[in-house]
Amino acid sequence: KSDKSVRHGSYALKNSSHTILEGQYIDNEAS
């Protein structure tokens, strides 16, 4: 919330039928 350019937490990519990607970021780095 303090810097919306920094991804931090869960990540998902979804289309209309299913989840394509599922993972997480810590301080803008995939983890």
PDB file of all heavy atoms in Angstrom:
ATOM      1  N   LYS A   1       0.832  -1.207   0.000  1.00  0.00           N
ATOM      2  CA  LYS A   1       0.000   0.000   0.000  1.00  0.00           C
ATOM      3  C   LYS A   1       0.862   1.251   0.000  1.00  0.00           C
ATOM      4  O   LYS A   1       0.481   2.280  -0.557  1.00  0.00           O
ATOM      5  CB  LYS A   1      -0.923   0.001   1.230  1.00  0.00           C
ATOM      6  CG  LYS A   1      -2.202  -0.783   1.034  1.00  0.00           C
ATOM      7  CD  LYS A   1      -3.187  -0.525   2.157  1.00  0.00           C
ATOM      8  CE  LYS A   1      -4.521  -1.180   1.858  1.00  0.00           C
ATOM      9  NZ  LYS A   1      -5.516  -0.918   2.924  1.00  0.00           N
ATOM     10  N   SER A   2       2.041   1.157   0.616  1.00  0.00           N
ATOM     11  CA  SER A   2       2.926   2.312   0.701  1.00  0.00           C
ATOM     12  C   SER A   2       3.648   2.596  -0.621  1.00  0.00           C
ATOM     13  O   SER A   2       4.119   3.694  -0.857  1.00  0.00           O
ATOM     14  CB  SER A   2       3.973   2.091   1.799  1.00  0.00           C
ATOM     15  OG  SER A   2       4.727   0.913   1.535  1.00  0.00           O
ATOM     16  N   ASP A   3       3.742   1.572  -1.497  1.00  0.00           N
ATOM     17  CA  ASP A   3       4.400   1.729  -2.794  1.00  0.00           C
ATOM     18  C   ASP A   3       3.793   0.716  -3.752  1.00  0.00           C
ATOM     19  O   ASP A   3       4.197  -0.439  -3.805  1.00  0.00           O
ATOM     20  CB  ASP A   3       5.909   1.508  -2.672  1.00  0.00           C
ATOM     21  CG  ASP A   3       6.647   1.786  -3.979  1.00  0.00           C
ATOM     22  OD1 ASP A   3       5.983   1.983  -5.015  1.00  0.00           O
ATOM     23  OD2 ASP A   3       7.891   1.808  -3.961  1.00  0.00           O
ATOM     24  N   LYS A   4       2.802   1.159  -4.524  1.00  0.00           N
ATOM     25  CA  LYS A   4       2.037   0.238  -5.369  1.00  0.00           C
ATOM     26  C   LYS A   4       2.820  -0.302  -6.557  1.00  0.00           C
ATOM     27  O   LYS A   4       2.316  -1.123  -7.321  1.00  0.00           O
ATOM     28  CB  LYS A   4       0.745   0.913  -5.840  1.00  0.00           C
ATOM     29  CG  LYS A   4      -0.201   1.236  -4.692  1.00  0.00           C
ATOM     30  CD  LYS A   4      -1.458   1.917  -5.171  1.00  0.00           C
ATOM     31  CE  LYS A   4      -2.423   2.170  -4.030  1.00  0.00           C
ATOM     32  NZ  LYS A   4      -1.876   3.013  -2.968  1.00  0.00           N
ATOM     33  N   SER A   5       4.057   0.154  -6.736  1.00  0.00           N
ATOM     34  CA  SER A   5       4.904  -0.392  -7.799  1.00  0.00           C
ATOM     35  C   SER A   5       5.627  -1.660  -7.343  1.00  0.00           C
ATOM     36  O   SER A   5       6.255  -2.344  -8.150  1.00  0.00           O
ATOM     37  CB  SER A   5       5.939   0.648  -8.255  1.00  0.00           C
ATOM     38  OG  SER A   5       6.867   0.916  -7.211  1.00  0.00           O
ATOM     39  N   VAL A   6       5.543  -1.982  -6.058  1.00  0.00           N
ATOM     40  CA  VAL A   6       6.240  -3.133  -5.495  1.00  0.00           C
ATOM     41  C   VAL A   6       5.272  -4.293  -5.283  1.00  0.00           C
ATOM     42  O   VAL A   6       4.366  -4.220  -4.446  1.00  0.00           O
ATOM     43  CB  VAL A   6       6.924  -2.785  -4.154  1.00  0.00           C
ATOM     44  CG1 VAL A   6       7.589  -4.020  -3.558  1.00  0.00           C
ATOM     45  CG2 VAL A   6       7.949  -1.678  -4.347  1.00  0.00           C
ATOM     46  N   ARG A   7       5.456  -5.352  -6.040  1.00  0.00           N
ATOM     47  CA  ARG A   7       4.653  -6.558  -5.853  1.00  0.00           C
ATOM     48  C   ARG A   7       5.163  -7.307  -4.619  1.00  0.00           C
ATOM     49  O   ARG A   7       6.353  -7.520  -4.470  1.00  0.00           O
ATOM     50  CB  ARG A   7       4.720  -7.459  -7.085  1.00  0.00           C
ATOM     51  CG  ARG A   7       4.129  -6.813  -8.330  1.00  0.00           C
ATOM     52  CD  ARG A   7       4.049  -7.788  -9.479  1.00  0.00           C
ATOM     53  NE  ARG A   7       3.510  -7.175 -10.672  1.00  0.00           N
ATOM     54  CZ  ARG A   7       3.091  -7.826 -11.741  1.00  0.00           C
ATOM     55  NH1 ARG A   7       3.152  -9.161 -11.765  1.00  0.00           N
ATOM     56  NH2 ARG A   7       2.612  -7.181 -12.792  1.00  0.00           N
ATOM     57  N   HIS A   8       4.209  -7.690  -3.776  1.00  0.00           N
ATOM     58  CA  HIS A   8       4.596  -8.348  -2.525  1.00  0.00           C
ATOM     59  C   HIS A   8       3.416  -9.173  -2.052  1.00  0.00           C
ATOM     60  O   HIS A   8       2.397  -8.626  -1.618  1.00  0.00           O
ATOM     61  CB  HIS A   8       4.976  -7.292  -1.481  1.00  0.00           C
ATOM     62  CG  HIS A   8       5.622  -7.869  -0.249  1.00  0.00           C
ATOM     63  ND1 HIS A   8       6.977  -8.056  -0.154  1.00  0.00           N
ATOM     64  CD2 HIS A   8       5.093  -8.306   0.930  1.00  0.00           C
ATOM     65  CE1 HIS A   8       7.267  -8.565   1.037  1.00  0.00           C
ATOM     66  NE2 HIS A   8       6.137  -8.728   1.715  1.00  0.00           N
ATOM     67  N   GLY A   9       3.523 -10.493  -2.152  1.00  0.00           N
ATOM     68  CA  GLY A   9       2.412 -11.352  -1.772  1.00  0.00           C
ATOM     69  C   GLY A   9       2.022 -12.278  -2.909  1.00  0.00           C
ATOM     70  O   GLY A   9       2.822 -12.579  -3.794  1.00  0.00           O
ATOM     71  N   SER A  10       0.781 -12.720  -2.893  1.00  0.00           N
ATOM     72  CA  SER A  10       0.329 -13.726  -3.854  1.00  0.00           C
ATOM     73  C   SER A  10       0.211 -13.146  -5.266  1.00  0.00           C
ATOM     74  O   SER A  10      -0.004 -11.953  -5.458  1.00  0.00           O
ATOM     75  CB  SER A  10      -1.020 -14.303  -3.422  1.00  0.00           C
ATOM     76  OG  SER A  10      -2.011 -13.284  -3.405  1.00  0.00           O
ATOM     77  N   TYR A  11       0.358 -14.056  -6.250  1.00  0.00           N
ATOM     78  CA  TYR A  11       0.216 -13.685  -7.661  1.00  0.00           C
ATOM     79  C   TYR A  11      -0.546 -14.790  -8.373  1.00  0.00           C
ATOM     80  O   TYR A  11      -0.314 -15.977  -8.141  1.00  0.00           O
ATOM     81  CB  TYR A  11       1.576 -13.505  -8.331  1.00  0.00           C
ATOM     82  CG  TYR A  11       1.461 -13.288  -9.838  1.00  0.00           C
ATOM     83  CD1 TYR A  11       1.321 -12.018 -10.364  1.00  0.00           C
ATOM     84  CD2 TYR A  11       1.464 -14.376 -10.713  1.00  0.00           C
ATOM     85  CE1 TYR A  11       1.179 -11.818 -11.724  1.00  0.00           C
ATOM     86  CE2 TYR A  11       1.324 -14.182 -12.089  1.00  0.00           C
ATOM     87  CZ  TYR A  11       1.180 -12.907 -12.581  1.00  0.00           C
ATOM     88  OH  TYR A  11       1.035 -12.703 -13.935  1.00  0.00           O
ATOM     89  N   ALA A  12      -1.471 -14.407  -9.258  1.00  0.00           N
ATOM     90  CA  ALA A  12      -2.181 -15.387 -10.076  1.00  0.00           C
ATOM     91  C   ALA A  12      -2.503 -14.775 -11.431  1.00  0.00           C
ATOM     92  O   ALA A  12      -2.730 -13.562 -11.549  1.00  0.00           O
ATOM     93  CB  ALA A  12      -3.455 -15.849  -9.389  1.00  0.00           C
ATOM     94  N   LEU A  13      -2.488 -15.617 -12.439  1.00  0.00           N
ATOM     95  CA  LEU A  13      -2.908 -15.237 -13.790  1.00  0.00           C
ATOM     96  C   LEU A  13      -4.034 -16.187 -14.165  1.00  0.00           C
ATOM     97  O   LEU A  13      -3.856 -17.406 -14.151  1.00  0.00           O
ATOM     98  CB  LEU A  13      -1.742 -15.366 -14.771  1.00  0.00           C
ATOM     99  CG  LEU A  13      -2.040 -15.025 -16.235  1.00  0.00           C
ATOM    100  CD1 LEU A  13      -2.373 -13.538 -16.389  1.00  0.00           C
ATOM    101  CD2 LEU A  13      -0.857 -15.392 -17.122  1.00  0.00           C
ATOM    102  N   LYS A  14      -5.209 -15.634 -14.487  1.00  0.00           N
ATOM    103  CA  LYS A  14      -6.379 -16.470 -14.736  1.00  0.00           C
ATOM    104  C   LYS A  14      -7.077 -16.057 -16.022  1.00  0.00           C
ATOM    105  O   LYS A  14      -7.172 -14.873 -16.344  1.00  0.00           O
ATOM    106  CB  LYS A  14      -7.375 -16.342 -13.575  1.00  0.00           C
ATOM    107  CG  LYS A  14      -6.823 -16.774 -12.231  1.00  0.00           C
ATOM    108  CD  LYS A  14      -7.878 -16.672 -11.142  1.00  0.00           C
ATOM    109  CE  LYS A  14      -7.334 -17.153  -9.801  1.00  0.00           C
ATOM    110  NZ  LYS A  14      -8.370 -17.160  -8.741  1.00  0.00           N
ATOM    111  N   ASN A  15      -7.562 -17.075 -16.769  1.00  0.00           N
ATOM    112  CA  ASN A  15      -8.440 -16.777 -17.883  1.00  0.00           C
ATOM    113  C   ASN A  15      -9.854 -17.204 -17.508  1.00  0.00           C
ATOM    114  O   ASN A  15     -10.134 -17.492 -16.342  1.00  0.00           O
ATOM    115  CB  ASN A  15      -7.959 -17.447 -19.178  1.00  0.00           C
ATOM    116  CG  ASN A  15      -7.966 -18.971 -19.104  1.00  0.00           C
ATOM    117  OD1 ASN A  15      -8.553 -19.566 -18.196  1.00  0.00           O
ATOM    118  ND2 ASN A  15      -7.314 -19.611 -20.050  1.00  0.00           N
ATOM    119  N   SER A  16     -10.761 -17.270 -18.455  1.00  0.00           N
ATOM    120  CA  SER A  16     -12.156 -17.547 -18.131  1.00  0.00           C
ATOM    121  C   SER A  16     -12.391 -18.979 -17.663  1.00  0.00           C
ATOM    122  O   SER A  16     -13.419 -19.275 -17.042  1.00  0.00           O
ATOM    123  CB  SER A  16     -13.041 -17.264 -19.349  1.00  0.00           C
ATOM    124  OG  SER A  16     -12.629 -18.069 -20.457  1.00  0.00           O
ATOM    125  N   SER A  17     -11.453 -19.889 -17.963  1.00  0.00           N
ATOM    126  CA  SER A  17     -11.682 -21.292 -17.632  1.00  0.00           C
ATOM    127  C   SER A  17     -10.879 -21.812 -16.447  1.00  0.00           C
ATOM    128  O   SER A  17     -11.334 -22.681 -15.713  1.00  0.00           O
ATOM    129  CB  SER A  17     -11.390 -22.176 -18.848  1.00  0.00           C
ATOM    130  OG  SER A  17     -10.015 -22.109 -19.214  1.00  0.00           O
ATOM    131  N   HIS A  18      -9.659 -21.280 -16.242  1.00  0.00           N
ATOM    132  CA  HIS A  18      -8.845 -21.830 -15.160  1.00  0.00           C
ATOM    133  C   HIS A  18      -7.687 -20.899 -14.792  1.00  0.00           C
ATOM    134  O   HIS A  18      -7.388 -19.939 -15.506  1.00  0.00           O
ATOM    135  CB  HIS A  18      -8.280 -23.203 -15.549  1.00  0.00           C
ATOM    136  CG  HIS A  18      -7.254 -23.161 -16.633  1.00  0.00           C
ATOM    137  ND1 HIS A  18      -7.567 -23.044 -17.970  1.00  0.00           N
ATOM    138  CD2 HIS A  18      -5.893 -23.230 -16.593  1.00  0.00           C
ATOM    139  CE1 HIS A  18      -6.470 -23.037 -18.695  1.00  0.00           C
ATOM    140  NE2 HIS A  18      -5.434 -23.133 -17.882  1.00  0.00           N
ATOM    141  N   THR A  19      -7.037 -21.214 -13.679  1.00  0.00           N
ATOM    142  CA  THR A  19      -5.831 -20.499 -13.269  1.00  0.00           C
ATOM    143  C   THR A  19      -4.673 -20.965 -14.137  1.00  0.00           C
ATOM    144  O   THR A  19      -4.456 -22.164 -14.326  1.00  0.00           O
ATOM    145  CB  THR A  19      -5.505 -20.782 -11.792  1.00  0.00           C
ATOM    146  OG1 THR A  19      -6.569 -20.281 -10.983  1.00  0.00           O
ATOM    147  CG2 THR A  19      -4.200 -20.109 -11.375  1.00  0.00           C
ATOM    148  N   ILE A  20      -3.910 -20.016 -14.684  1.00  0.00           N
ATOM    149  CA  ILE A  20      -2.770 -20.343 -15.546  1.00  0.00           C
ATOM    150  C   ILE A  20      -1.475 -20.347 -14.740  1.00  0.00           C
ATOM    151  O   ILE A  20      -0.660 -21.265 -14.853  1.00  0.00           O
ATOM    152  CB  ILE A  20      -2.671 -19.334 -16.709  1.00  0.00           C
ATOM    153  CG1 ILE A  20      -3.935 -19.394 -17.558  1.00  0.00           C
ATOM    154  CG2 ILE A  20      -1.430 -19.610 -17.565  1.00  0.00           C
ATOM    155  CD1 ILE A  20      -4.070 -18.248 -18.525  1.00  0.00           C
ATOM    156  N   LEU A  21      -1.285 -19.312 -13.936  1.00  0.00           N
ATOM    157  CA  LEU A  21      -0.091 -19.207 -13.095  1.00  0.00           C
ATOM    158  C   LEU A  21      -0.485 -18.929 -11.659  1.00  0.00           C
ATOM    159  O   LEU A  21      -1.460 -18.224 -11.392  1.00  0.00           O
ATOM    160  CB  LEU A  21       0.816 -18.065 -13.571  1.00  0.00           C
ATOM    161  CG  LEU A  21       1.694 -18.250 -14.795  1.00  0.00           C
ATOM    162  CD1 LEU A  21       2.482 -16.973 -15.048  1.00  0.00           C
ATOM    163  CD2 LEU A  21       2.645 -19.426 -14.627  1.00  0.00           C
ATOM    164  N   GLU A  22       0.328 -19.457 -10.743  1.00  0.00           N
ATOM    165  CA  GLU A  22       0.090 -19.226  -9.322  1.00  0.00           C
ATOM    166  C   GLU A  22       1.434 -19.205  -8.601  1.00  0.00           C
ATOM    167  O   GLU A  22       2.221 -20.141  -8.728  1.00  0.00           O
ATOM    168  CB  GLU A  22      -0.783 -20.361  -8.779  1.00  0.00           C
ATOM    169  CG  GLU A  22      -1.504 -20.051  -7.498  1.00  0.00           C
ATOM    170  CD  GLU A  22      -2.568 -21.105  -7.211  1.00  0.00           C
ATOM    171  OE1 GLU A  22      -2.260 -22.309  -7.367  1.00  0.00           O
ATOM    172  OE2 GLU A  22      -3.693 -20.717  -6.850  1.00  0.00           O
ATOM    173  N   GLY A  23       1.709 -18.101  -7.905  1.00  0.00           N
ATOM    174  CA  GLY A  23       2.974 -18.005  -7.204  1.00  0.00           C
ATOM    175  C   GLY A  23       2.961 -16.839  -6.233  1.00  0.00           C
ATOM    176  O   GLY A  23       1.902 -16.415  -5.771  1.00  0.00           O
ATOM    177  N   GLN A  24       4.144 -16.280  -5.956  1.00  0.00           N
ATOM    178  CA  GLN A  24       4.213 -15.156  -5.029  1.00  0.00           C
ATOM    179  C   GLN A  24       5.430 -14.290  -5.309  1.00  0.00           C
ATOM    180  O   GLN A  24       6.398 -14.731  -5.958  1.00  0.00           O
ATOM    181  CB  GLN A  24       4.268 -15.650  -3.581  1.00  0.00           C
ATOM    182  CG  GLN A  24       5.551 -16.386  -3.225  1.00  0.00           C
ATOM    183  CD  GLN A  24       5.624 -16.729  -1.737  1.00  0.00           C
ATOM    184  OE1 GLN A  24       4.798 -16.299  -0.952  1.00  0.00           O
ATOM    185  NE2 GLN A  24       6.620 -17.504  -1.372  1.00  0.00           N
ATOM    186  N   TYR A  25       5.354 -13.056  -4.839  1.00  0.00           N
ATOM    187  CA  TYR A  25       6.455 -12.100  -4.934  1.00  0.00           C
ATOM    188  C   TYR A  25       6.846 -11.643  -3.531  1.00  0.00           C
ATOM    189  O   TYR A  25       5.996 -11.541  -2.648  1.00  0.00           O
ATOM    190  CB  TYR A  25       6.042 -10.860  -5.741  1.00  0.00           C
ATOM    191  CG  TYR A  25       6.077 -11.037  -7.232  1.00  0.00           C
ATOM    192  CD1 TYR A  25       5.018 -11.637  -7.909  1.00  0.00           C
ATOM    193  CD2 TYR A  25       7.166 -10.584  -7.984  1.00  0.00           C
ATOM    194  CE1 TYR A  25       5.044 -11.787  -9.276  1.00  0.00           C
ATOM    195  CE2 TYR A  25       7.199 -10.730  -9.352  1.00  0.00           C
ATOM    196  CZ  TYR A  25       6.136 -11.334  -9.999  1.00  0.00           C
ATOM    197  OH  TYR A  25       6.166 -11.486 -11.361  1.00  0.00           O
ATOM    198  N   ILE A  26       8.114 -11.352  -3.355  1.00  0.00           N
ATOM    199  CA  ILE A  26       8.608 -10.690  -2.149  1.00  0.00           C
ATOM    200  C   ILE A  26       9.479  -9.522  -2.605  1.00  0.00           C
ATOM    201  O   ILE A  26      10.491  -9.721  -3.294  1.00  0.00           O
ATOM    202  CB  ILE A  26       9.416 -11.649  -1.254  1.00  0.00           C
ATOM    203  CG1 ILE A  26       8.509 -12.755  -0.712  1.00  0.00           C
ATOM    204  CG2 ILE A  26      10.056 -10.885  -0.091  1.00  0.00           C
ATOM    205  CD1 ILE A  26       9.203 -13.772   0.172  1.00  0.00           C
ATOM    206  N   ASP A  27       9.044  -8.313  -2.247  1.00  0.00           N
ATOM    207  CA  ASP A  27       9.778  -7.098  -2.631  1.00  0.00           C
ATOM    208  C   ASP A  27      10.107  -7.077  -4.126  1.00  0.00           C
ATOM    209  O   ASP A  27      11.250  -6.852  -4.541  1.00  0.00           O
ATOM    210  CB  ASP A  27      11.064  -6.964  -1.810  1.00  0.00           C
ATOM    211  CG  ASP A  27      10.770  -6.659  -0.354  1.00  0.00           C
ATOM    212  OD1 ASP A  27       9.719  -6.044  -0.080  1.00  0.00           O
ATOM    213  OD2 ASP A  27      11.570  -7.042   0.508  1.00  0.00           O
ATOM    214  N   ASN A  28       9.090  -7.346  -4.955  1.00  0.00           N
ATOM    215  CA  ASN A  28       9.177  -7.274  -6.415  1.00  0.00           C
ATOM    216  C   ASN A  28       9.981  -8.403  -7.053  1.00  0.00           C
ATOM    217  O   ASN A  28      10.238  -8.378  -8.250  1.00  0.00           O
ATOM    218  CB  ASN A  28       9.760  -5.932  -6.882  1.00  0.00           C
ATOM    219  CG  ASN A  28       8.740  -5.104  -7.633  1.00  0.00           C
ATOM    220  OD1 ASN A  28       7.574  -5.502  -7.774  1.00  0.00           O
ATOM    221  ND2 ASN A  28       9.148  -3.961  -8.135  1.00  0.00           N
ATOM    222  N   GLU A  29      10.383  -9.383  -6.271  1.00  0.00           N
ATOM    223  CA  GLU A  29      11.121 -10.525  -6.812  1.00  0.00           C
ATOM    224  C   GLU A  29      10.259 -11.785  -6.675  1.00  0.00           C
ATOM    225  O   GLU A  29       9.711 -12.056  -5.614  1.00  0.00           O
ATOM    226  CB  GLU A  29      12.441 -10.735  -6.056  1.00  0.00           C
ATOM    227  CG  GLU A  29      13.440  -9.594  -6.201  1.00  0.00           C
ATOM    228  CD  GLU A  29      14.057  -9.537  -7.591  1.00  0.00           C
ATOM    229  OE1 GLU A  29      14.100 -10.589  -8.261  1.00  0.00           O
ATOM    230  OE2 GLU A  29      14.491  -8.454  -8.000  1.00  0.00           O
ATOM    231  N   ALA A  30      10.164 -12.544  -7.791  1.00  0.00           N
ATOM    232  CA  ALA A  30       9.441 -13.818  -7.724  1.00  0.00           C
ATOM    233  C   ALA A  30      10.113 -14.718  -6.693  1.00  0.00           C
ATOM    234  O   ALA A  30      11.336 -14.788  -6.615  1.00  0.00           O
ATOM    235  CB  ALA A  30       9.430 -14.485  -9.088  1.00  0.00           C
ATOM    236  N   SER A  31       9.307 -15.401  -5.895  1.00  0.00           N
ATOM    237  CA  SER A  31       9.848 -16.194  -4.799  1.00  0.00           C
ATOM    238  C   SER A  31       9.086 -17.512  -4.669  1.00  0.00           C
ATOM    239  O   SER A  31       7.907 -17.605  -5.032  1.00  0.00           O
ATOM    240  CB  SER A  31       9.744 -15.410  -3.487  1.00  0.00           C
ATOM    241  OG  SER A  31      10.197 -16.172  -2.390  1.00  0.00           O
TER     242      SER A  31
END
